[in-house]
Amino acid sequence: MVLTIHSAAREAGGFLTVNGSLKNTGTAAFVNTTAWRGNELTSSGTSVAGVTLIDKAGKKRYYVLRDTDGRCLCTTGVSTIEAGQSVAFFAQFPAPPATTTEVDFTLPTFATATLKISG
């Protein structure tokens, strides 16, 4: 699996939205997506709710926002990614302070990546 981040952008209302894609570069269907949902938002089902952002300068971790029913504001329904298939994803977070220009992105099973925030 290859994880690509396309953007990490501040949005009106104090949100930060991360957009990206997950591509199965293997020869068989990938079904090991359970870890991506994390332990906290299991009501979101198969999702990328386990993603977090870390503001190292501000010493704060940001979790995916939730709706009033406790479901993540993120891509859901990711249970199988066929060989060669790419799946787009998004995750929305509370925006860090305007002085924060970079955050570390973590999704279980993938290495941590540093993202520059736009907007």
N, C-alpha and C. Protein backbone atom coordinates (compact mmCIF):
# COMPACT_ATOMS: atom_id res chain seq x y z
N MET A 1 0.84 -1.18 0.00
CA MET A 1 0.00 0.00 0.00
C MET A 1 0.88 1.24 0.00
N VAL A 2 0.47 2.21 -0.80
CA VAL A 2 1.17 3.49 -0.86
C VAL A 2 0.19 4.58 -0.45
N LEU A 3 0.60 5.38 0.52
CA LEU A 3 -0.20 6.50 1.01
C LEU A 3 0.39 7.78 0.43
N THR A 4 -0.46 8.58 -0.23
CA THR A 4 -0.02 9.85 -0.80
C THR A 4 -0.90 10.96 -0.23
N ILE A 5 -0.28 12.02 0.28
CA ILE A 5 -1.03 13.17 0.77
C ILE A 5 -1.03 14.22 -0.33
N HIS A 6 -2.22 14.70 -0.70
CA HIS A 6 -2.35 15.71 -1.75
C HIS A 6 -2.41 17.13 -1.17
N SER A 7 -3.04 17.27 0.00
CA SER A 7 -3.13 18.60 0.60
C SER A 7 -3.46 18.50 2.08
N ALA A 8 -3.05 19.53 2.79
CA ALA A 8 -3.41 19.76 4.19
C ALA A 8 -3.74 21.24 4.27
N ALA A 9 -5.03 21.56 4.24
CA ALA A 9 -5.43 22.96 4.06
C ALA A 9 -6.36 23.43 5.18
N ARG A 10 -6.09 24.65 5.64
CA ARG A 10 -7.00 25.30 6.59
C ARG A 10 -8.28 25.68 5.85
N GLU A 11 -9.39 25.56 6.56
CA GLU A 11 -10.69 25.87 5.98
C GLU A 11 -11.40 26.87 6.89
N ALA A 12 -12.38 27.55 6.33
CA ALA A 12 -13.19 28.47 7.12
C ALA A 12 -13.82 27.71 8.28
N GLY A 13 -13.97 28.38 9.39
CA GLY A 13 -14.61 27.76 10.54
C GLY A 13 -13.65 27.06 11.48
N GLY A 14 -12.35 27.15 11.21
CA GLY A 14 -11.37 26.58 12.12
C GLY A 14 -11.07 25.11 11.90
N PHE A 15 -11.21 24.64 10.66
CA PHE A 15 -10.93 23.24 10.34
C PHE A 15 -9.64 23.10 9.55
N LEU A 16 -9.07 21.92 9.59
CA LEU A 16 -7.95 21.55 8.74
C LEU A 16 -8.35 20.25 8.06
N THR A 17 -8.33 20.24 6.74
CA THR A 17 -8.72 19.05 5.99
C THR A 17 -7.50 18.48 5.28
N VAL A 18 -7.28 17.19 5.49
CA VAL A 18 -6.20 16.47 4.80
C VAL A 18 -6.85 15.61 3.73
N ASN A 19 -6.36 15.73 2.50
CA ASN A 19 -6.83 14.92 1.38
C ASN A 19 -5.67 14.08 0.86
N GLY A 20 -5.96 12.86 0.49
CA GLY A 20 -4.92 11.99 -0.03
C GLY A 20 -5.50 10.80 -0.76
N SER A 21 -4.63 9.83 -1.01
CA SER A 21 -5.08 8.60 -1.66
C SER A 21 -4.28 7.42 -1.13
N LEU A 22 -4.91 6.27 -1.19
CA LEU A 22 -4.30 5.00 -0.81
C LEU A 22 -4.30 4.12 -2.05
N LYS A 23 -3.12 3.65 -2.45
CA LYS A 23 -3.04 2.84 -3.67
C LYS A 23 -2.47 1.47 -3.34
N ASN A 24 -3.16 0.44 -3.84
CA ASN A 24 -2.70 -0.92 -3.68
C ASN A 24 -1.78 -1.23 -4.87
N THR A 25 -0.50 -1.29 -4.60
CA THR A 25 0.47 -1.58 -5.66
C THR A 25 0.79 -3.07 -5.75
N GLY A 26 0.08 -3.87 -4.94
CA GLY A 26 0.30 -5.31 -4.94
C GLY A 26 -0.49 -6.02 -6.03
N THR A 27 -0.44 -7.35 -5.97
CA THR A 27 -1.12 -8.17 -6.98
C THR A 27 -2.38 -8.84 -6.44
N ALA A 28 -2.69 -8.60 -5.16
CA ALA A 28 -3.89 -9.18 -4.55
C ALA A 28 -4.66 -8.07 -3.83
N ALA A 29 -5.93 -8.33 -3.59
CA ALA A 29 -6.76 -7.36 -2.86
C ALA A 29 -6.18 -7.14 -1.46
N PHE A 30 -6.22 -5.89 -1.00
CA PHE A 30 -5.74 -5.54 0.34
C PHE A 30 -6.97 -5.41 1.24
N VAL A 31 -7.01 -6.20 2.32
CA VAL A 31 -8.17 -6.20 3.21
C VAL A 31 -7.82 -5.87 4.66
N ASN A 32 -6.57 -5.56 4.94
CA ASN A 32 -6.12 -5.29 6.31
C ASN A 32 -6.31 -3.83 6.69
N THR A 33 -7.51 -3.32 6.56
CA THR A 33 -7.78 -1.90 6.81
C THR A 33 -8.30 -1.62 8.22
N THR A 34 -8.54 -2.64 9.02
CA THR A 34 -9.12 -2.44 10.36
C THR A 34 -8.29 -1.50 11.22
N ALA A 35 -6.96 -1.60 11.17
CA ALA A 35 -6.10 -0.76 12.00
C ALA A 35 -6.28 0.72 11.68
N TRP A 36 -6.68 1.05 10.47
CA TRP A 36 -6.81 2.44 10.06
C TRP A 36 -7.92 3.16 10.81
N ARG A 37 -8.89 2.43 11.31
CA ARG A 37 -10.01 3.09 12.00
C ARG A 37 -9.65 3.49 13.42
N GLY A 38 -8.56 2.97 13.95
CA GLY A 38 -8.17 3.31 15.32
C GLY A 38 -9.07 2.61 16.31
N ASN A 39 -8.86 2.90 17.57
CA ASN A 39 -9.65 2.28 18.64
C ASN A 39 -10.76 3.17 19.16
N GLU A 40 -10.65 4.45 18.91
CA GLU A 40 -11.56 5.40 19.54
C GLU A 40 -12.90 5.54 18.82
N LEU A 41 -12.89 5.54 17.48
CA LEU A 41 -14.11 5.81 16.72
C LEU A 41 -14.60 4.57 16.00
N THR A 42 -14.82 3.50 16.74
CA THR A 42 -15.25 2.26 16.10
C THR A 42 -16.65 2.36 15.53
N SER A 43 -17.44 3.36 15.96
CA SER A 43 -18.78 3.54 15.39
C SER A 43 -18.72 4.03 13.94
N SER A 44 -17.54 4.44 13.49
CA SER A 44 -17.37 4.88 12.11
C SER A 44 -17.18 3.70 11.16
N GLY A 45 -17.09 2.48 11.69
CA GLY A 45 -16.89 1.31 10.84
C GLY A 45 -15.54 1.35 10.17
N THR A 46 -15.45 0.74 9.00
CA THR A 46 -14.19 0.76 8.27
C THR A 46 -13.95 2.18 7.77
N SER A 47 -12.85 2.77 8.21
CA SER A 47 -12.60 4.19 7.94
C SER A 47 -11.13 4.49 8.14
N VAL A 48 -10.79 5.76 8.02
CA VAL A 48 -9.44 6.23 8.35
C VAL A 48 -9.49 7.07 9.62
N ALA A 49 -10.42 6.74 10.53
CA ALA A 49 -10.60 7.51 11.76
C ALA A 49 -9.43 7.41 12.72
N GLY A 50 -8.50 6.50 12.48
CA GLY A 50 -7.33 6.37 13.35
C GLY A 50 -6.23 7.37 13.07
N VAL A 51 -6.41 8.20 12.05
CA VAL A 51 -5.40 9.18 11.69
C VAL A 51 -5.34 10.29 12.75
N THR A 52 -4.13 10.75 13.03
CA THR A 52 -3.95 11.88 13.94
C THR A 52 -2.94 12.85 13.35
N LEU A 53 -2.99 14.07 13.84
CA LEU A 53 -1.99 15.08 13.50
C LEU A 53 -1.29 15.48 14.78
N ILE A 54 0.00 15.70 14.70
CA ILE A 54 0.77 16.12 15.87
C ILE A 54 1.45 17.44 15.56
N ASP A 55 1.15 18.42 16.41
CA ASP A 55 1.79 19.73 16.35
C ASP A 55 2.95 19.67 17.35
N LYS A 56 4.15 19.38 16.85
CA LYS A 56 5.30 19.22 17.75
C LYS A 56 5.64 20.51 18.47
N ALA A 57 5.56 21.64 17.75
CA ALA A 57 5.89 22.93 18.37
C ALA A 57 4.90 23.26 19.49
N GLY A 58 3.62 23.01 19.24
CA GLY A 58 2.58 23.29 20.23
C GLY A 58 2.37 22.16 21.21
N LYS A 59 3.05 21.04 21.01
CA LYS A 59 2.94 19.87 21.88
C LYS A 59 1.49 19.42 22.04
N LYS A 60 0.82 19.23 20.89
CA LYS A 60 -0.59 18.84 20.92
C LYS A 60 -0.87 17.83 19.82
N ARG A 61 -1.74 16.86 20.14
CA ARG A 61 -2.19 15.86 19.17
C ARG A 61 -3.65 16.19 18.81
N TYR A 62 -3.94 16.12 17.52
CA TYR A 62 -5.29 16.39 17.02
C TYR A 62 -5.91 15.11 16.48
N TYR A 63 -7.13 14.83 16.91
CA TYR A 63 -7.87 13.66 16.45
C TYR A 63 -8.92 14.10 15.43
N VAL A 64 -9.35 13.17 14.61
CA VAL A 64 -10.38 13.43 13.61
C VAL A 64 -11.65 13.94 14.29
N LEU A 65 -12.26 14.96 13.69
CA LEU A 65 -13.52 15.48 14.22
C LEU A 65 -14.63 14.44 14.07
N ARG A 66 -15.68 14.60 14.88
CA ARG A 66 -16.82 13.68 14.85
C ARG A 66 -18.11 14.44 14.66
N ASP A 67 -19.11 13.76 14.11
CA ASP A 67 -20.43 14.36 14.01
C ASP A 67 -21.19 14.11 15.30
N THR A 68 -22.43 14.54 15.36
CA THR A 68 -23.21 14.41 16.59
C THR A 68 -23.54 12.97 16.95
N ASP A 69 -23.39 12.05 16.00
CA ASP A 69 -23.61 10.62 16.27
C ASP A 69 -22.31 9.89 16.60
N GLY A 70 -21.20 10.63 16.70
CA GLY A 70 -19.92 10.04 17.05
C GLY A 70 -19.15 9.44 15.88
N ARG A 71 -19.63 9.66 14.65
CA ARG A 71 -18.92 9.15 13.47
C ARG A 71 -17.88 10.17 13.02
N CYS A 72 -16.80 9.66 12.46
CA CYS A 72 -15.71 10.55 12.05
C CYS A 72 -16.09 11.42 10.87
N LEU A 73 -15.47 12.59 10.79
CA LEU A 73 -15.54 13.43 9.59
C LEU A 73 -14.34 13.03 8.75
N CYS A 74 -14.47 11.86 8.16
CA CYS A 74 -13.40 11.27 7.37
C CYS A 74 -14.00 10.23 6.44
N THR A 75 -13.16 9.71 5.58
CA THR A 75 -13.60 8.68 4.64
C THR A 75 -13.96 7.41 5.39
N THR A 76 -15.10 6.84 5.05
CA THR A 76 -15.55 5.58 5.63
C THR A 76 -15.77 4.56 4.51
N GLY A 77 -16.01 3.33 4.88
CA GLY A 77 -16.31 2.29 3.91
C GLY A 77 -15.10 1.72 3.20
N VAL A 78 -13.91 1.94 3.75
CA VAL A 78 -12.70 1.42 3.13
C VAL A 78 -12.40 0.06 3.76
N SER A 79 -12.89 -1.00 3.12
CA SER A 79 -12.66 -2.34 3.67
C SER A 79 -11.79 -3.20 2.76
N THR A 80 -11.87 -2.98 1.46
CA THR A 80 -11.07 -3.74 0.50
C THR A 80 -10.58 -2.78 -0.58
N ILE A 81 -9.29 -2.87 -0.89
CA ILE A 81 -8.74 -2.10 -2.00
C ILE A 81 -8.15 -3.13 -2.97
N GLU A 82 -8.74 -3.21 -4.12
CA GLU A 82 -8.32 -4.20 -5.12
C GLU A 82 -6.91 -3.90 -5.64
N ALA A 83 -6.25 -4.91 -6.15
CA ALA A 83 -4.91 -4.74 -6.73
C ALA A 83 -4.95 -3.66 -7.81
N GLY A 84 -4.02 -2.71 -7.73
CA GLY A 84 -3.96 -1.62 -8.71
C GLY A 84 -4.92 -0.48 -8.47
N GLN A 85 -5.83 -0.63 -7.52
CA GLN A 85 -6.86 0.40 -7.27
C GLN A 85 -6.33 1.49 -6.34
N SER A 86 -6.75 2.73 -6.60
CA SER A 86 -6.50 3.86 -5.71
C SER A 86 -7.82 4.29 -5.10
N VAL A 87 -7.79 4.65 -3.83
CA VAL A 87 -8.96 5.12 -3.11
C VAL A 87 -8.63 6.49 -2.51
N ALA A 88 -9.45 7.47 -2.83
CA ALA A 88 -9.26 8.81 -2.25
C ALA A 88 -9.73 8.79 -0.79
N PHE A 89 -9.10 9.61 0.03
CA PHE A 89 -9.56 9.75 1.42
C PHE A 89 -9.42 11.20 1.87
N PHE A 90 -10.20 11.53 2.90
CA PHE A 90 -10.07 12.82 3.55
C PHE A 90 -10.25 12.61 5.04
N ALA A 91 -9.74 13.53 5.83
CA ALA A 91 -9.96 13.55 7.27
C ALA A 91 -9.95 15.01 7.70
N GLN A 92 -10.90 15.37 8.56
CA GLN A 92 -11.02 16.76 8.99
C GLN A 92 -10.71 16.85 10.48
N PHE A 93 -9.92 17.88 10.84
CA PHE A 93 -9.44 18.08 12.21
C PHE A 93 -9.72 19.50 12.66
N PRO A 94 -9.67 19.76 13.98
CA PRO A 94 -9.63 21.15 14.42
C PRO A 94 -8.31 21.75 13.92
N ALA A 95 -8.34 22.97 13.44
CA ALA A 95 -7.12 23.58 12.91
C ALA A 95 -6.18 23.96 14.06
N PRO A 96 -4.90 23.68 13.89
CA PRO A 96 -3.93 24.17 14.87
C PRO A 96 -3.84 25.70 14.79
N PRO A 97 -3.17 26.34 15.73
CA PRO A 97 -3.02 27.80 15.67
C PRO A 97 -2.40 28.24 14.35
N ALA A 98 -2.69 29.45 13.94
CA ALA A 98 -2.20 29.99 12.67
C ALA A 98 -0.67 29.99 12.60
N THR A 99 -0.02 30.03 13.75
CA THR A 99 1.45 30.03 13.77
C THR A 99 2.03 28.65 13.46
N THR A 100 1.20 27.62 13.51
CA THR A 100 1.66 26.26 13.19
C THR A 100 1.61 26.07 11.68
N THR A 101 2.75 25.80 11.08
CA THR A 101 2.82 25.65 9.63
C THR A 101 3.08 24.22 9.19
N GLU A 102 3.45 23.34 10.14
CA GLU A 102 3.70 21.93 9.84
C GLU A 102 3.12 21.06 10.94
N VAL A 103 2.64 19.88 10.54
CA VAL A 103 2.16 18.88 11.49
C VAL A 103 2.66 17.51 11.02
N ASP A 104 2.77 16.59 11.97
CA ASP A 104 3.09 15.21 11.62
C ASP A 104 1.78 14.46 11.45
N PHE A 105 1.67 13.72 10.36
CA PHE A 105 0.49 12.94 10.00
C PHE A 105 0.78 11.48 10.33
N THR A 106 -0.09 10.85 11.09
CA THR A 106 0.08 9.44 11.42
C THR A 106 -1.21 8.68 11.12
N LEU A 107 -1.07 7.60 10.37
CA LEU A 107 -2.16 6.66 10.11
C LEU A 107 -1.59 5.29 10.44
N PRO A 108 -2.24 4.53 11.33
CA PRO A 108 -1.70 3.23 11.72
C PRO A 108 -1.29 2.39 10.51
N THR A 109 -0.17 1.73 10.63
CA THR A 109 0.51 0.85 9.66
C THR A 109 1.38 1.61 8.67
N PHE A 110 1.36 2.95 8.68
CA PHE A 110 2.19 3.75 7.79
C PHE A 110 3.20 4.55 8.60
N ALA A 111 4.31 4.92 7.97
CA ALA A 111 5.29 5.78 8.62
C ALA A 111 4.71 7.18 8.81
N THR A 112 5.18 7.89 9.81
CA THR A 112 4.78 9.27 10.05
C THR A 112 5.35 10.16 8.94
N ALA A 113 4.52 11.15 8.52
CA ALA A 113 4.97 12.09 7.48
C ALA A 113 4.73 13.50 7.98
N THR A 114 5.64 14.40 7.69
CA THR A 114 5.48 15.81 8.04
C THR A 114 4.78 16.51 6.89
N LEU A 115 3.70 17.24 7.22
CA LEU A 115 2.91 17.96 6.21
C LEU A 115 3.02 19.45 6.41
N LYS A 116 3.14 20.18 5.32
CA LYS A 116 3.06 21.65 5.36
C LYS A 116 1.59 22.02 5.21
N ILE A 117 1.14 22.93 6.05
CA ILE A 117 -0.26 23.37 6.04
C ILE A 117 -0.39 24.56 5.10
N SER A 118 -1.37 24.51 4.21
CA SER A 118 -1.65 25.65 3.33
C SER A 118 -2.90 26.37 3.82
N GLY A 119 -3.03 27.62 3.39
CA GLY A 119 -4.23 28.40 3.73
C GLY A 119 -4.14 29.15 5.00
